Amino acid sequence: MRRLQLPRTTVHELVTTLAARKYIVPVAGQPGRYRLGVRPYQLGARYAEQLDLAAEGRQVARSVAETCDETVHVAILEDTDVIYIAKVDSTHAVRMVSAAGRRLPAHCTSVGKMLLASLPEQELGARLPDGAELPAMTPNSITDPAVLRETLAEIRTRGVAVESRESNPDVSCVAAPVRDRTGQVVAALSISVPMSRWSDERLGELEQLAVKGAAELSERLGHRSAA
């Protein structure tokens, strides 16, 4: 308290809040003394998982990019946005321009739609209620929540998400889900292709490659498929 230079009442409120949220717990038989609770461990474990996800994601993205020579991303969902945590560029002169750490509206991207489709219905409704305003990044962006829900239902059925010039007018993408050891979808892996190299024929090839890459990353995170 002296080191923090805080009033006793403020410190008491902070300690009470930390104890209520399991960050600290009272030491038996020693009134006024506390030890760390389970929450710091849980937060540390979650942070370590994210580090593992980013590191493993870069390795798998590099392998996928070497196979198709297109830009590969790994992204996570935060509220209604996606954050790219790993990226490997295509070697082509014409390629998607982006960066790890970039944040975009989830509904405008293949990775974002894949992650939104993986949410439980109640959680999806809380993040994107029926009256939600969906900003557009291009004329092809989905701005109607009802249309988005129909799209997400199709993604759940197919197991892959496709974005056609919805975040960039010159780029289309395909994405597949990444699961952790519990089977929960924690990220998505996407392949982004300029329209000059995009075709319906190539779409099937890219979907298979995205699914294969996402499965490899899932396995690295401890996931074991039913097969």
Protein backbone atom coordinates (compact mmCIF):
# COMPACT_ATOMS: atom_id res chain seq x y z
CA MET A 1 0.00 0.00 0.00
CA ARG A 2 2.86 2.36 0.86
CA ARG A 3 4.70 1.47 -2.34
CA LEU A 4 1.59 2.10 -4.44
CA GLN A 5 0.85 5.31 -2.57
CA LEU A 6 -2.86 4.46 -2.56
CA PRO A 7 -5.42 5.08 0.20
CA ARG A 8 -6.36 2.10 2.39
CA THR A 9 -9.96 2.16 1.09
CA THR A 10 -8.80 1.97 -2.54
CA VAL A 11 -6.47 -0.93 -1.81
CA HIS A 12 -9.26 -2.72 0.06
CA GLU A 13 -11.56 -2.36 -2.96
CA LEU A 14 -8.88 -3.65 -5.32
CA VAL A 15 -8.13 -6.64 -3.10
CA THR A 16 -11.83 -7.43 -2.72
CA THR A 17 -12.33 -7.32 -6.49
CA LEU A 18 -9.26 -9.49 -7.20
CA ALA A 19 -10.41 -12.04 -4.61
CA ALA A 20 -13.96 -12.11 -6.00
CA ARG A 21 -12.59 -12.83 -9.46
CA LYS A 22 -10.22 -15.57 -8.21
CA TYR A 23 -7.01 -13.69 -9.02
CA ILE A 24 -5.99 -13.99 -5.36
CA VAL A 25 -7.23 -16.19 -2.49
CA PRO A 26 -6.88 -15.72 1.30
CA VAL A 27 -4.06 -17.58 3.05
CA ALA A 28 -5.59 -19.82 5.72
CA GLY A 29 -4.78 -18.72 9.25
CA GLN A 30 -3.11 -15.49 8.13
CA PRO A 31 -5.68 -12.68 8.06
CA GLY A 32 -4.92 -9.98 5.52
CA ARG A 33 -2.55 -12.18 3.49
CA TYR A 34 -3.31 -13.58 0.03
CA ARG A 35 -1.72 -15.84 -2.56
CA LEU A 36 -2.28 -16.06 -6.31
CA GLY A 37 -5.47 -17.80 -7.38
CA VAL A 38 -6.28 -19.86 -10.45
CA ARG A 39 -7.10 -16.96 -12.78
CA PRO A 40 -3.49 -15.79 -13.36
CA TYR A 41 -2.63 -19.36 -14.34
CA GLN A 42 -5.58 -19.52 -16.73
CA LEU A 43 -4.62 -16.22 -18.31
CA GLY A 44 -1.00 -17.30 -18.64
CA ALA A 45 -2.03 -20.56 -20.24
CA ARG A 46 -4.31 -18.74 -22.67
CA TYR A 47 -1.50 -16.33 -23.56
CA ALA A 48 0.89 -19.23 -24.12
CA GLU A 49 -1.68 -20.89 -26.38
CA GLN A 50 -1.89 -17.74 -28.48
CA LEU A 51 1.90 -17.66 -28.77
CA ASP A 52 1.87 -21.29 -29.86
CA LEU A 53 -0.91 -20.58 -32.34
CA ALA A 54 0.97 -17.70 -33.94
CA ALA A 55 4.26 -19.60 -34.12
CA GLU A 56 2.73 -22.81 -35.43
CA GLY A 57 0.49 -20.79 -37.73
CA ARG A 58 3.48 -19.15 -39.41
CA GLN A 59 5.09 -22.53 -40.07
CA VAL A 60 1.95 -24.07 -41.57
CA ALA A 61 1.16 -20.90 -43.55
CA ARG A 62 4.65 -21.05 -45.02
CA SER A 63 4.13 -24.64 -46.12
CA VAL A 64 0.75 -23.85 -47.70
CA ALA A 65 2.14 -20.77 -49.44
CA GLU A 66 5.00 -22.80 -50.89
CA THR A 67 2.47 -25.22 -52.36
CA CYS A 68 0.15 -22.69 -54.04
CA ASP A 69 2.40 -19.57 -54.18
CA GLU A 70 -0.40 -17.39 -52.87
CA THR A 71 -0.71 -15.30 -49.70
CA VAL A 72 -1.75 -17.31 -46.64
CA HIS A 73 -3.15 -15.91 -43.39
CA VAL A 74 -4.04 -17.27 -39.97
CA ALA A 75 -6.53 -15.15 -38.03
CA ILE A 76 -8.47 -15.14 -34.77
CA LEU A 77 -11.82 -13.57 -33.88
CA GLU A 78 -12.12 -10.66 -31.45
CA ASP A 79 -15.67 -9.42 -30.93
CA THR A 80 -16.85 -8.75 -34.52
CA ASP A 81 -13.38 -8.29 -36.04
CA VAL A 82 -10.64 -10.64 -37.15
CA ILE A 83 -7.00 -10.10 -36.27
CA TYR A 84 -4.34 -11.62 -38.51
CA ILE A 85 -1.73 -13.30 -36.31
CA ALA A 86 0.36 -14.93 -39.05
CA LYS A 87 0.97 -14.19 -42.72
CA VAL A 88 3.19 -15.56 -45.49
CA ASP A 89 3.32 -13.70 -48.80
CA SER A 90 3.08 -15.00 -52.32
CA THR A 91 6.20 -14.54 -54.43
CA HIS A 92 4.14 -13.12 -57.31
CA ALA A 93 4.55 -9.42 -58.07
CA VAL A 94 0.75 -9.06 -57.94
CA ARG A 95 -0.44 -10.25 -54.55
CA MET A 96 -2.59 -9.25 -51.60
CA VAL A 97 -1.09 -6.49 -49.45
CA SER A 98 -1.68 -6.97 -45.73
CA ALA A 99 0.21 -7.46 -42.47
CA ALA A 100 0.12 -9.54 -39.29
CA GLY A 101 -1.73 -7.58 -36.63
CA ARG A 102 -4.19 -6.07 -39.08
CA ARG A 103 -7.83 -5.94 -37.95
CA LEU A 104 -10.80 -6.18 -40.33
CA PRO A 105 -14.59 -6.59 -39.96
CA ALA A 106 -15.15 -10.33 -39.70
CA HIS A 107 -18.16 -10.43 -42.02
CA CYS A 108 -16.08 -9.04 -44.90
CA THR A 109 -13.44 -11.80 -44.85
CA SER A 110 -13.36 -15.55 -45.45
CA VAL A 111 -11.53 -16.16 -42.15
CA GLY A 112 -14.03 -13.98 -40.32
CA LYS A 113 -17.06 -15.68 -41.80
CA MET A 114 -15.54 -19.06 -40.97
CA LEU A 115 -15.04 -18.00 -37.36
CA LEU A 116 -18.49 -16.42 -37.05
CA ALA A 117 -20.06 -19.59 -38.48
CA SER A 118 -18.32 -21.59 -35.76
CA LEU A 119 -19.89 -19.63 -32.90
CA PRO A 120 -22.84 -21.03 -30.93
CA GLU A 121 -26.08 -19.41 -32.08
CA GLN A 122 -26.58 -17.51 -28.82
CA GLU A 123 -23.08 -16.05 -28.91
CA LEU A 124 -23.41 -15.13 -32.58
CA GLY A 125 -26.66 -13.33 -31.81
CA ALA A 126 -25.02 -11.39 -28.99
CA ARG A 127 -22.17 -10.24 -31.24
CA LEU A 128 -24.30 -9.59 -34.31
CA PRO A 129 -27.91 -8.89 -33.33
CA ASP A 130 -30.55 -8.69 -36.05
CA GLY A 131 -30.44 -4.90 -36.13
CA ALA A 132 -26.66 -4.69 -36.32
CA GLU A 133 -25.08 -2.37 -38.87
CA LEU A 134 -22.57 -4.20 -41.03
CA PRO A 135 -20.03 -1.81 -42.59
CA ALA A 136 -19.03 -2.35 -46.20
CA MET A 137 -15.42 -2.48 -47.37
CA THR A 138 -16.33 -2.95 -51.04
CA PRO A 139 -19.56 -3.00 -53.07
CA ASN A 140 -19.53 -6.80 -52.65
CA SER A 141 -19.49 -6.74 -48.83
CA ILE A 142 -22.46 -8.27 -47.04
CA THR A 143 -24.33 -5.54 -45.17
CA ASP A 144 -27.63 -7.32 -44.40
CA PRO A 145 -27.54 -9.43 -41.19
CA ALA A 146 -30.16 -11.80 -42.63
CA VAL A 147 -28.01 -12.45 -45.70
CA LEU A 148 -24.98 -12.95 -43.48
CA ARG A 149 -26.81 -15.55 -41.41
CA GLU A 150 -27.78 -17.45 -44.57
CA THR A 151 -24.16 -17.35 -45.68
CA LEU A 152 -22.93 -18.61 -42.30
CA ALA A 153 -25.42 -21.49 -42.45
CA GLU A 154 -23.98 -22.54 -45.82
CA ILE A 155 -20.46 -22.31 -44.42
CA ARG A 156 -21.37 -24.62 -41.53
CA THR A 157 -22.68 -27.16 -44.03
CA ARG A 158 -19.69 -26.98 -46.38
CA GLY A 159 -16.96 -26.58 -43.77
CA VAL A 160 -15.17 -23.87 -45.76
CA ALA A 161 -15.78 -20.15 -46.32
CA VAL A 162 -15.30 -18.20 -49.52
CA GLU A 163 -15.03 -14.43 -49.88
CA SER A 164 -15.41 -12.91 -53.32
CA ARG A 165 -13.95 -9.39 -53.39
CA GLU A 166 -15.69 -8.45 -50.14
CA SER A 167 -12.71 -6.93 -48.32
CA ASN A 168 -10.61 -6.03 -51.36
CA PRO A 169 -12.12 -5.43 -54.82
CA ASP A 170 -9.20 -7.23 -56.48
CA VAL A 171 -8.89 -10.29 -54.22
CA SER A 172 -10.90 -13.40 -53.34
CA CYS A 173 -10.17 -15.81 -50.49
CA VAL A 174 -11.02 -19.24 -49.14
CA ALA A 175 -10.73 -20.27 -45.47
CA ALA A 176 -10.99 -23.36 -43.27
CA PRO A 177 -11.33 -23.74 -39.47
CA VAL A 178 -8.46 -24.41 -37.04
CA ARG A 179 -9.32 -26.35 -33.87
CA ASP A 180 -7.51 -26.77 -30.56
CA ARG A 181 -7.12 -29.94 -28.52
CA THR A 182 -10.71 -29.62 -27.20
CA GLY A 183 -12.15 -29.43 -30.71
CA GLN A 184 -13.08 -25.77 -30.38
CA VAL A 185 -12.50 -23.53 -33.41
CA VAL A 186 -9.84 -21.03 -32.31
CA ALA A 187 -8.65 -19.63 -35.64
CA ALA A 188 -9.02 -19.91 -39.38
CA LEU A 189 -6.49 -20.32 -42.19
CA SER A 190 -7.08 -18.60 -45.50
CA ILE A 191 -5.57 -18.41 -48.98
CA SER A 192 -5.91 -15.03 -50.73
CA VAL A 193 -5.71 -14.82 -54.52
CA PRO A 194 -5.82 -11.81 -56.89
CA MET A 195 -8.72 -12.01 -59.33
CA SER A 196 -6.25 -12.29 -62.20
CA ARG A 197 -5.35 -15.79 -60.89
CA TRP A 198 -8.77 -16.76 -59.51
CA SER A 199 -11.10 -19.17 -61.27
CA ASP A 200 -13.94 -21.56 -60.44
CA GLU A 201 -11.68 -24.43 -61.45
CA ARG A 202 -8.96 -23.34 -59.05
CA LEU A 203 -11.41 -22.76 -56.21
CA GLY A 204 -11.78 -26.47 -55.53
CA GLU A 205 -8.02 -26.91 -55.38
CA LEU A 206 -7.63 -23.98 -53.00
CA GLU A 207 -10.44 -25.22 -50.75
CA GLN A 208 -8.74 -28.61 -50.39
CA LEU A 209 -5.41 -26.96 -49.67
CA ALA A 210 -6.91 -24.63 -47.06
CA VAL A 211 -8.66 -27.55 -45.35
CA LYS A 212 -5.44 -29.58 -45.37
CA GLY A 213 -3.42 -26.67 -43.95
CA ALA A 214 -6.01 -25.93 -41.26
CA ALA A 215 -6.07 -29.62 -40.30
CA GLU A 216 -2.28 -29.67 -39.99
CA LEU A 217 -2.31 -26.59 -37.78
CA SER A 218 -5.12 -28.11 -35.69
CA GLU A 219 -3.05 -31.25 -35.21
CA ARG A 220 -0.08 -29.16 -34.08
CA LEU A 221 -2.38 -27.59 -31.47
CA GLY A 222 -3.32 -31.02 -30.16
CA HIS A 223 -6.54 -31.66 -32.04
CA ARG A 224 -7.29 -35.22 -33.10
CA SER A 225 -10.01 -35.74 -35.69
CA ALA A 226 -12.63 -38.44 -35.26
CA ALA A 227 -11.15 -40.27 -38.22
